[in-house]
Amino acid sequence: MTAHNRNEVVRSTARAPRLSAITATTAELIATATLTIETGGEGFFEFTREAARFVADAGGKDGALFLFLRHTSASLVIQENADPDVQRDLVTALDRLAPTDAGWVHDTEGPDDMPAHVKAMLAGVSLHVPVSNGVLALGTWQGLYLAEHRARPHRREVVLQFIGSRR
């Protein structure tokens, strides 16, 4: 069986993707604020409630929430928020991908700085979340997190921007 034939077999047993009804809105509102998060050192810090409150306080209805982290040694992620073991395991996984003892050249800010830059590069510093009827369209177990990759506490800034319609 060729790769082409295998793909045909997989397609024939899978259900075809279905598109929901399309909704359209006009961007009447662009609202921006900066959220400051004090981290306690390496780990994940959830800020889903604060982001949802921003959308509500801005009067947002339908649109998108854009999030941008103004730092290069931390990152933003959407991750499971039901079991804290997930965050612990993610810290372990990132430490395996970018260990402090890998012989990094850049070490002027400490041995954890260069690994933090690598982790931030892997996870990214921006997100966007659809907003529907004033509610973040996250899945049941999804939350917004700042991932702090440095060992010591830091003050991090996340720029929040809602673009969409008004309530």
Protein backbone atom coordinates (compact mmCIF):
# COMPACT_ATOMS: atom_id res chain seq x y z
CA MET A 1 0.00 0.00 0.00
CA THR A 2 1.48 3.36 -0.96
CA ALA A 3 1.40 6.46 1.24
CA HIS A 4 -1.17 7.93 -1.15
CA ASN A 5 -3.44 4.87 -0.73
CA ARG A 6 -3.04 4.91 3.07
CA ASN A 7 -4.23 8.53 3.12
CA GLU A 8 -7.28 7.55 1.06
CA VAL A 9 -8.12 4.76 3.52
CA VAL A 10 -7.87 7.14 6.48
CA ARG A 11 -10.04 9.72 4.72
CA SER A 12 -12.71 7.18 3.85
CA THR A 13 -13.18 6.11 7.50
CA ALA A 14 -13.09 9.61 9.02
CA ARG A 15 -16.07 11.95 9.13
CA ALA A 16 -15.85 14.97 6.91
CA PRO A 17 -15.15 18.25 8.75
CA ARG A 18 -18.29 20.33 9.40
CA LEU A 19 -18.37 24.11 9.47
CA SER A 20 -20.76 25.84 11.87
CA ALA A 21 -22.96 28.71 10.79
CA ILE A 22 -20.89 31.78 9.96
CA THR A 23 -21.42 34.89 12.06
CA ALA A 24 -20.14 38.29 11.05
CA THR A 25 -19.62 41.43 13.10
CA THR A 26 -18.22 44.89 12.63
CA ALA A 27 -15.27 45.97 14.77
CA GLU A 28 -16.76 48.86 16.75
CA LEU A 29 -14.38 48.62 19.65
CA ILE A 30 -10.64 48.43 20.16
CA ALA A 31 -9.82 48.32 23.87
CA THR A 32 -6.32 47.92 25.32
CA ALA A 33 -4.94 47.47 28.83
CA THR A 34 -1.80 46.09 30.43
CA LEU A 35 -2.06 43.32 33.01
CA THR A 36 0.83 43.07 35.49
CA ILE A 37 1.54 39.59 36.86
CA GLU A 38 3.92 39.06 39.78
CA THR A 39 5.45 35.61 39.42
CA GLY A 40 6.92 33.57 42.23
CA GLY A 41 9.71 32.16 40.07
CA GLU A 42 9.58 29.31 37.59
CA GLY A 43 6.10 27.94 36.98
CA PHE A 44 2.70 28.63 35.44
CA PHE A 45 0.48 31.50 36.60
CA GLU A 46 -3.15 31.45 35.45
CA PHE A 47 -4.82 34.72 34.50
CA THR A 48 -8.00 33.56 32.71
CA ARG A 49 -10.31 35.43 35.09
CA GLU A 50 -8.42 38.68 34.70
CA ALA A 51 -8.56 38.41 30.89
CA ALA A 52 -12.30 37.67 31.00
CA ARG A 53 -12.84 40.63 33.34
CA PHE A 54 -10.94 42.88 30.91
CA VAL A 55 -13.28 41.87 28.04
CA ALA A 56 -16.33 42.46 30.26
CA ASP A 57 -15.07 45.82 31.59
CA ALA A 58 -14.25 46.92 28.03
CA GLY A 59 -17.80 46.12 26.96
CA GLY A 60 -16.75 43.53 24.39
CA LYS A 61 -19.29 41.22 22.77
CA ASP A 62 -18.03 39.38 19.66
CA GLY A 63 -14.46 39.58 18.41
CA ALA A 64 -10.99 38.52 19.48
CA LEU A 65 -8.80 39.01 22.50
CA PHE A 66 -5.15 39.45 21.59
CA LEU A 67 -2.51 38.90 24.27
CA PHE A 68 1.14 39.91 24.03
CA LEU A 69 3.86 39.38 26.64
CA ARG A 70 6.45 42.16 26.75
CA HIS A 71 9.33 39.88 27.82
CA THR A 72 11.75 37.35 26.29
CA SER A 73 12.29 34.94 29.19
CA ALA A 74 8.65 34.02 29.87
CA SER A 75 5.81 32.95 27.58
CA LEU A 76 2.04 32.76 27.18
CA VAL A 77 0.22 29.46 26.77
CA ILE A 78 -3.26 28.00 26.75
CA GLN A 79 -3.17 24.87 28.87
CA GLU A 80 -5.28 22.57 31.01
CA ASN A 81 -6.49 24.25 34.19
CA ALA A 82 -8.09 21.27 35.93
CA ASP A 83 -5.06 19.40 37.28
CA PRO A 84 -2.03 21.33 38.64
CA ASP A 85 0.15 18.28 37.92
CA VAL A 86 -0.04 19.28 34.24
CA GLN A 87 1.80 22.52 34.94
CA ARG A 88 4.42 20.72 37.04
CA ASP A 89 4.98 18.19 34.26
CA LEU A 90 5.24 20.98 31.68
CA VAL A 91 7.96 22.69 33.74
CA THR A 92 9.81 19.35 33.83
CA ALA A 93 9.41 18.89 30.07
CA LEU A 94 10.69 22.40 29.32
CA ASP A 95 13.66 21.86 31.66
CA ARG A 96 14.53 18.73 29.68
CA LEU A 97 14.35 20.64 26.39
CA ALA A 98 16.49 23.55 27.63
CA PRO A 99 18.53 22.54 30.71
CA THR A 100 20.56 25.11 32.64
CA ASP A 101 23.72 23.01 32.35
CA ALA A 102 23.82 22.82 28.53
CA GLY A 103 26.90 25.00 28.20
CA TRP A 104 25.16 28.17 27.05
CA VAL A 105 27.38 31.07 25.95
CA HIS A 106 24.96 33.78 27.16
CA ASP A 107 25.08 33.67 30.97
CA THR A 108 25.50 37.33 32.01
CA GLU A 109 22.08 37.32 33.73
CA GLY A 110 22.54 33.95 35.38
CA PRO A 111 22.54 30.27 34.39
CA ASP A 112 18.73 30.17 34.02
CA ASP A 113 18.52 33.11 31.58
CA MET A 114 19.49 31.49 28.27
CA PRO A 115 17.33 28.39 28.90
CA ALA A 116 14.47 30.81 29.66
CA HIS A 117 14.94 32.48 26.26
CA VAL A 118 14.84 29.09 24.53
CA LYS A 119 11.66 28.09 26.40
CA ALA A 120 10.01 31.40 25.52
CA MET A 121 10.95 30.89 21.87
CA LEU A 122 9.36 27.43 21.90
CA ALA A 123 6.11 28.47 23.60
CA GLY A 124 5.74 32.00 22.22
CA VAL A 125 4.81 35.38 23.63
CA SER A 126 1.44 36.00 21.97
CA LEU A 127 -2.00 34.42 21.88
CA HIS A 128 -5.40 35.22 20.49
CA VAL A 129 -8.73 33.92 21.78
CA PRO A 130 -12.10 34.26 20.07
CA VAL A 131 -14.76 36.07 22.11
CA SER A 132 -18.40 35.12 21.59
CA ASN A 133 -21.21 37.02 23.27
CA GLY A 134 -18.73 38.52 25.75
CA VAL A 135 -17.25 35.16 26.76
CA LEU A 136 -13.75 33.81 25.99
CA ALA A 137 -14.29 30.84 23.66
CA LEU A 138 -11.91 28.57 25.58
CA GLY A 139 -12.53 24.85 25.94
CA THR A 140 -13.82 23.35 29.18
CA TRP A 141 -10.39 22.65 30.65
CA GLN A 142 -8.44 25.47 29.00
CA GLY A 143 -6.91 28.39 30.86
CA LEU A 144 -4.62 31.29 30.00
CA TYR A 145 -1.20 31.07 31.64
CA LEU A 146 1.96 33.08 31.90
CA ALA A 147 4.83 30.60 31.98
CA GLU A 148 7.69 32.04 34.00
CA HIS A 149 10.96 30.48 32.88
CA ARG A 150 13.30 32.26 35.31
CA ALA A 151 14.08 30.87 38.78
CA ARG A 152 13.50 34.09 40.69
CA PRO A 153 10.26 36.12 40.88
CA HIS A 154 9.58 38.71 38.18
CA ARG A 155 7.01 41.38 37.38
CA ARG A 156 5.64 40.57 33.92
CA GLU A 157 3.41 42.69 31.67
CA VAL A 158 0.79 41.27 29.34
CA VAL A 159 -0.82 43.65 26.85
CA LEU A 160 -4.50 42.74 26.38
CA GLN A 161 -6.38 44.05 23.36
CA PHE A 162 -9.99 43.31 22.44
CA ILE A 163 -11.10 44.03 18.88
CA GLY A 164 -14.76 43.50 18.06
CA SER A 165 -18.30 44.61 18.68
CA ARG A 166 -19.78 46.28 21.76
CA ARG A 167 -22.27 44.73 24.13
